[in-house]
Amino acid sequence: MEFDLDPPHGVGSLRLGMGVDGTRAALSVFGEVSGSLATGLWVHRRGGVSINPGFSPSGRLDAIELHGSPEQEFDVVRYRDVDVFGLPALDVAERLRRHTTVRVEPDDEACFTAPDLVLAFWRPFAADDDPEDWPGYHVNSVLLAAPGYYDTPAEAARRQAAADLR
């Protein structure tokens, strides 16, 4: 199955802003849903991708995290022309730069973000020179989140004030 990251909307039938019941129903399209709201909902696909939705305090879907590896057989996660789990992490970052700003997180060089898209890419450590060490050579998870997901309280207040003016 192909999963197309579509910021700021979602992934496939999972749309940011959905309620818990709608999210659970949309998630079930991808496979058997396990877990609970308290422990976290998950779908672990035989094709290789695992999906974990995140909810705001108001019970709305505000983040979708996908986990994978370059060894998965059937599932592909893409943002435009970028195969998130199939390409080396440095290639993912370079190809993303064709579309948007990408920055390496200052406190974790293994993580990089596309802040304008609210996409975050993670691997447990940076091993950019050893393809055999895939957990550090490739992206292991990508988070697609709603605008404002990373806002500080002051930024959230400014975002809300700007929305109120519209």
C-alpha atoms as a PDB file:
ATOM      1  CA  MET A   1       0.000   0.000   0.000  1.00  0.00           C
ATOM      2  CA  GLU A   2       1.161   3.527  -0.682  1.00  0.00           C
ATOM      3  CA  PHE A   3       0.781   6.175   1.993  1.00  0.00           C
ATOM      4  CA  ASP A   4       0.954   9.749   0.712  1.00  0.00           C
ATOM      5  CA  LEU A   5       1.775  12.387   3.301  1.00  0.00           C
ATOM      6  CA  ASP A   6      -0.543  15.309   2.619  1.00  0.00           C
ATOM      7  CA  PRO A   7       0.298  18.120   5.042  1.00  0.00           C
ATOM      8  CA  PRO A   8      -1.644  19.842   6.581  1.00  0.00           C
ATOM      9  CA  HIS A   9      -4.516  17.456   5.821  1.00  0.00           C
ATOM     10  CA  GLY A  10      -3.363  13.974   6.800  1.00  0.00           C
ATOM     11  CA  VAL A  11      -2.533  10.572   5.330  1.00  0.00           C
ATOM     12  CA  GLY A  12      -5.098   8.726   3.232  1.00  0.00           C
ATOM     13  CA  SER A  13      -8.391   8.464   5.085  1.00  0.00           C
ATOM     14  CA  LEU A  14      -6.813   9.824   8.304  1.00  0.00           C
ATOM     15  CA  ARG A  15      -7.559  13.548   8.303  1.00  0.00           C
ATOM     16  CA  LEU A  16      -6.236  15.927  10.937  1.00  0.00           C
ATOM     17  CA  GLY A  17      -9.067  17.332  13.047  1.00  0.00           C
ATOM     18  CA  MET A  18     -11.132  14.106  13.097  1.00  0.00           C
ATOM     19  CA  GLY A  19     -12.667  12.950  16.360  1.00  0.00           C
ATOM     20  CA  VAL A  20     -11.660   9.718  18.080  1.00  0.00           C
ATOM     21  CA  ASP A  21     -14.445   7.571  16.584  1.00  0.00           C
ATOM     22  CA  GLY A  22     -13.822   8.842  13.061  1.00  0.00           C
ATOM     23  CA  THR A  23     -10.098   8.293  13.500  1.00  0.00           C
ATOM     24  CA  ARG A  24     -10.617   4.734  14.709  1.00  0.00           C
ATOM     25  CA  ALA A  25     -12.866   4.013  11.689  1.00  0.00           C
ATOM     26  CA  ALA A  26     -10.396   5.594   9.241  1.00  0.00           C
ATOM     27  CA  LEU A  27      -7.499   3.738  10.859  1.00  0.00           C
ATOM     28  CA  SER A  28      -9.296   0.411  10.476  1.00  0.00           C
ATOM     29  CA  VAL A  29      -9.081   0.815   6.688  1.00  0.00           C
ATOM     30  CA  PHE A  30      -5.323   0.188   7.056  1.00  0.00           C
ATOM     31  CA  GLY A  31      -5.599  -2.882   9.300  1.00  0.00           C
ATOM     32  CA  GLU A  32      -6.607  -4.153  12.715  1.00  0.00           C
ATOM     33  CA  VAL A  33      -6.626  -1.389  15.330  1.00  0.00           C
ATOM     34  CA  SER A  34      -5.020  -2.254  18.649  1.00  0.00           C
ATOM     35  CA  GLY A  35      -4.577  -0.341  21.889  1.00  0.00           C
ATOM     36  CA  SER A  36      -6.833   2.244  23.418  1.00  0.00           C
ATOM     37  CA  LEU A  37      -7.081   5.988  23.680  1.00  0.00           C
ATOM     38  CA  ALA A  38      -5.262   5.783  27.048  1.00  0.00           C
ATOM     39  CA  THR A  39      -2.409   3.577  25.786  1.00  0.00           C
ATOM     40  CA  GLY A  40      -2.342   4.760  22.198  1.00  0.00           C
ATOM     41  CA  LEU A  41      -4.045   3.403  19.100  1.00  0.00           C
ATOM     42  CA  TRP A  42      -1.949   1.436  16.603  1.00  0.00           C
ATOM     43  CA  VAL A  43      -2.158  -0.407  13.334  1.00  0.00           C
ATOM     44  CA  HIS A  44       0.785  -2.719  12.618  1.00  0.00           C
ATOM     45  CA  ARG A  45       0.631  -3.695   8.953  1.00  0.00           C
ATOM     46  CA  ARG A  46       2.143  -6.859   7.521  1.00  0.00           C
ATOM     47  CA  GLY A  47       3.408  -4.668   4.691  1.00  0.00           C
ATOM     48  CA  GLY A  48       5.832  -2.999   7.078  1.00  0.00           C
ATOM     49  CA  VAL A  49       4.305   0.284   8.236  1.00  0.00           C
ATOM     50  CA  SER A  50       2.912   0.938  11.699  1.00  0.00           C
ATOM     51  CA  ILE A  51       0.552   3.873  12.235  1.00  0.00           C
ATOM     52  CA  ASN A  52      -0.006   5.702  15.512  1.00  0.00           C
ATOM     53  CA  PRO A  53      -2.469   8.625  15.672  1.00  0.00           C
ATOM     54  CA  GLY A  54      -2.103  11.344  18.299  1.00  0.00           C
ATOM     55  CA  PHE A  55      -4.897  13.411  19.793  1.00  0.00           C
ATOM     56  CA  SER A  56      -5.172  16.914  21.205  1.00  0.00           C
ATOM     57  CA  PRO A  57      -6.587  17.426  24.702  1.00  0.00           C
ATOM     58  CA  SER A  58      -9.933  18.163  23.030  1.00  0.00           C
ATOM     59  CA  GLY A  59      -9.967  14.688  21.426  1.00  0.00           C
ATOM     60  CA  ARG A  60      -9.139  15.747  17.876  1.00  0.00           C
ATOM     61  CA  LEU A  61      -6.563  14.033  15.675  1.00  0.00           C
ATOM     62  CA  ASP A  62      -3.599  16.395  15.663  1.00  0.00           C
ATOM     63  CA  ALA A  63      -0.712  14.098  14.634  1.00  0.00           C
ATOM     64  CA  ILE A  64      -0.108  10.931  12.656  1.00  0.00           C
ATOM     65  CA  GLU A  65       3.116   9.017  13.149  1.00  0.00           C
ATOM     66  CA  LEU A  66       4.199   6.322  10.708  1.00  0.00           C
ATOM     67  CA  HIS A  67       7.016   3.892  11.496  1.00  0.00           C
ATOM     68  CA  GLY A  68       8.859   1.795   8.933  1.00  0.00           C
ATOM     69  CA  SER A  69      12.148   0.489   7.640  1.00  0.00           C
ATOM     70  CA  PRO A  70      13.895   0.128   4.290  1.00  0.00           C
ATOM     71  CA  GLU A  71      13.354  -3.632   4.575  1.00  0.00           C
ATOM     72  CA  GLN A  72       9.547  -3.472   4.477  1.00  0.00           C
ATOM     73  CA  GLU A  73       8.168  -5.400   1.564  1.00  0.00           C
ATOM     74  CA  PHE A  74       4.895  -3.827   0.475  1.00  0.00           C
ATOM     75  CA  ASP A  75       4.207  -0.459   2.098  1.00  0.00           C
ATOM     76  CA  VAL A  76       5.679   2.801   0.806  1.00  0.00           C
ATOM     77  CA  VAL A  77       5.403   6.178   2.551  1.00  0.00           C
ATOM     78  CA  ARG A  78       5.911   9.223   0.333  1.00  0.00           C
ATOM     79  CA  TYR A  79       5.884  12.958   0.407  1.00  0.00           C
ATOM     80  CA  ARG A  80       5.642  13.936  -3.258  1.00  0.00           C
ATOM     81  CA  ASP A  81       8.598  12.159  -4.951  1.00  0.00           C
ATOM     82  CA  VAL A  82      10.370  11.270  -1.697  1.00  0.00           C
ATOM     83  CA  ASP A  83      10.280   7.643  -0.479  1.00  0.00           C
ATOM     84  CA  VAL A  84      10.585   8.367   3.243  1.00  0.00           C
ATOM     85  CA  PHE A  85      11.686   4.920   4.435  1.00  0.00           C
ATOM     86  CA  GLY A  86      13.243   3.579   1.226  1.00  0.00           C
ATOM     87  CA  LEU A  87      15.908   6.244   0.727  1.00  0.00           C
ATOM     88  CA  PRO A  88      18.868   7.019   3.005  1.00  0.00           C
ATOM     89  CA  ALA A  89      17.996   9.768   5.503  1.00  0.00           C
ATOM     90  CA  LEU A  90      20.385  12.294   3.937  1.00  0.00           C
ATOM     91  CA  ASP A  91      18.741  11.719   0.536  1.00  0.00           C
ATOM     92  CA  VAL A  92      15.295  12.204   2.085  1.00  0.00           C
ATOM     93  CA  ALA A  93      16.421  15.545   3.543  1.00  0.00           C
ATOM     94  CA  GLU A  94      18.035  16.645   0.271  1.00  0.00           C
ATOM     95  CA  ARG A  95      14.981  15.762  -1.834  1.00  0.00           C
ATOM     96  CA  LEU A  96      12.660  17.502   0.634  1.00  0.00           C
ATOM     97  CA  ARG A  97      14.748  20.666   0.200  1.00  0.00           C
ATOM     98  CA  ARG A  98      13.461  20.803  -3.400  1.00  0.00           C
ATOM     99  CA  HIS A  99      10.002  21.502  -1.941  1.00  0.00           C
ATOM    100  CA  THR A 100      10.494  23.231   1.407  1.00  0.00           C
ATOM    101  CA  THR A 101      12.874  24.301   4.155  1.00  0.00           C
ATOM    102  CA  VAL A 102      14.502  21.435   6.036  1.00  0.00           C
ATOM    103  CA  ARG A 103      16.475  21.821   9.220  1.00  0.00           C
ATOM    104  CA  VAL A 104      18.414  19.453  11.422  1.00  0.00           C
ATOM    105  CA  GLU A 105      17.223  19.738  14.995  1.00  0.00           C
ATOM    106  CA  PRO A 106      19.972  21.387  17.084  1.00  0.00           C
ATOM    107  CA  ASP A 107      19.545  19.089  20.083  1.00  0.00           C
ATOM    108  CA  ASP A 108      19.290  15.857  18.019  1.00  0.00           C
ATOM    109  CA  GLU A 109      21.215  15.601  14.746  1.00  0.00           C
ATOM    110  CA  ALA A 110      19.398  12.347  13.922  1.00  0.00           C
ATOM    111  CA  CYS A 111      16.100  14.269  13.651  1.00  0.00           C
ATOM    112  CA  PHE A 112      15.238  16.738  10.936  1.00  0.00           C
ATOM    113  CA  THR A 113      12.080  18.702  10.283  1.00  0.00           C
ATOM    114  CA  ALA A 114      10.231  20.451   7.515  1.00  0.00           C
ATOM    115  CA  PRO A 115       8.692  23.128   9.770  1.00  0.00           C
ATOM    116  CA  ASP A 116       6.518  24.755   7.090  1.00  0.00           C
ATOM    117  CA  LEU A 117       4.856  21.372   6.481  1.00  0.00           C
ATOM    118  CA  VAL A 118       4.870  20.301  10.154  1.00  0.00           C
ATOM    119  CA  LEU A 119       6.716  17.101   9.238  1.00  0.00           C
ATOM    120  CA  ALA A 120       9.360  15.569  11.515  1.00  0.00           C
ATOM    121  CA  PHE A 121      11.686  12.727  10.500  1.00  0.00           C
ATOM    122  CA  TRP A 122      13.476  10.603  13.087  1.00  0.00           C
ATOM    123  CA  ARG A 123      16.081   7.896  13.354  1.00  0.00           C
ATOM    124  CA  PRO A 124      17.588   6.668  16.636  1.00  0.00           C
ATOM    125  CA  PHE A 125      21.085   7.926  15.764  1.00  0.00           C
ATOM    126  CA  ALA A 126      22.920   9.389  12.779  1.00  0.00           C
ATOM    127  CA  ALA A 127      25.002   6.785  10.921  1.00  0.00           C
ATOM    128  CA  ASP A 128      25.276   8.477   7.570  1.00  0.00           C
ATOM    129  CA  ASP A 129      28.184   6.444   6.264  1.00  0.00           C
ATOM    130  CA  ASP A 130      27.087   2.833   6.864  1.00  0.00           C
ATOM    131  CA  PRO A 131      24.154   1.528   4.778  1.00  0.00           C
ATOM    132  CA  GLU A 132      24.305  -1.788   6.645  1.00  0.00           C
ATOM    133  CA  ASP A 133      23.416   0.051   9.859  1.00  0.00           C
ATOM    134  CA  TRP A 134      19.912   0.895   8.629  1.00  0.00           C
ATOM    135  CA  PRO A 135      18.422   2.180  11.917  1.00  0.00           C
ATOM    136  CA  GLY A 136      20.810   5.131  11.735  1.00  0.00           C
ATOM    137  CA  TYR A 137      21.183   5.349   7.973  1.00  0.00           C
ATOM    138  CA  HIS A 138      17.447   5.530   7.190  1.00  0.00           C
ATOM    139  CA  VAL A 139      14.454   7.383   8.604  1.00  0.00           C
ATOM    140  CA  ASN A 140      12.549   5.166  11.076  1.00  0.00           C
ATOM    141  CA  SER A 141       9.502   7.355  11.682  1.00  0.00           C
ATOM    142  CA  VAL A 142       7.782  10.409  10.274  1.00  0.00           C
ATOM    143  CA  LEU A 143       5.299  12.599  12.124  1.00  0.00           C
ATOM    144  CA  LEU A 144       2.744  14.663  10.228  1.00  0.00           C
ATOM    145  CA  ALA A 145       1.038  17.161  12.521  1.00  0.00           C
ATOM    146  CA  ALA A 146      -1.494  19.942  12.460  1.00  0.00           C
ATOM    147  CA  PRO A 147      -0.257  23.531  12.223  1.00  0.00           C
ATOM    148  CA  GLY A 148       0.514  24.756  15.717  1.00  0.00           C
ATOM    149  CA  TYR A 149       1.456  21.299  17.012  1.00  0.00           C
ATOM    150  CA  TYR A 150       4.888  22.517  18.165  1.00  0.00           C
ATOM    151  CA  ASP A 151       3.756  25.987  19.269  1.00  0.00           C
ATOM    152  CA  THR A 152       4.806  27.341  22.620  1.00  0.00           C
ATOM    153  CA  PRO A 153       1.931  28.783  24.698  1.00  0.00           C
ATOM    154  CA  ALA A 154       2.824  32.293  23.463  1.00  0.00           C
ATOM    155  CA  GLU A 155       2.853  31.141  19.831  1.00  0.00           C
ATOM    156  CA  ALA A 156      -0.472  29.354  20.331  1.00  0.00           C
ATOM    157  CA  ALA A 157      -1.978  32.562  21.737  1.00  0.00           C
ATOM    158  CA  ARG A 158      -0.718  34.566  18.722  1.00  0.00           C
ATOM    159  CA  ARG A 159      -2.068  31.901  16.319  1.00  0.00           C
ATOM    160  CA  GLN A 160      -5.461  32.010  18.054  1.00  0.00           C
ATOM    161  CA  ALA A 161      -5.543  35.812  18.030  1.00  0.00           C
ATOM    162  CA  ALA A 162      -4.772  35.844  14.290  1.00  0.00           C
ATOM    163  CA  ALA A 163      -7.524  33.270  13.665  1.00  0.00           C
ATOM    164  CA  ASP A 164      -9.989  35.356  15.677  1.00  0.00           C
ATOM    165  CA  LEU A 165      -9.292  38.361  13.432  1.00  0.00           C
ATOM    166  CA  ARG A 166     -10.374  36.439  10.332  1.00  0.00           C
END
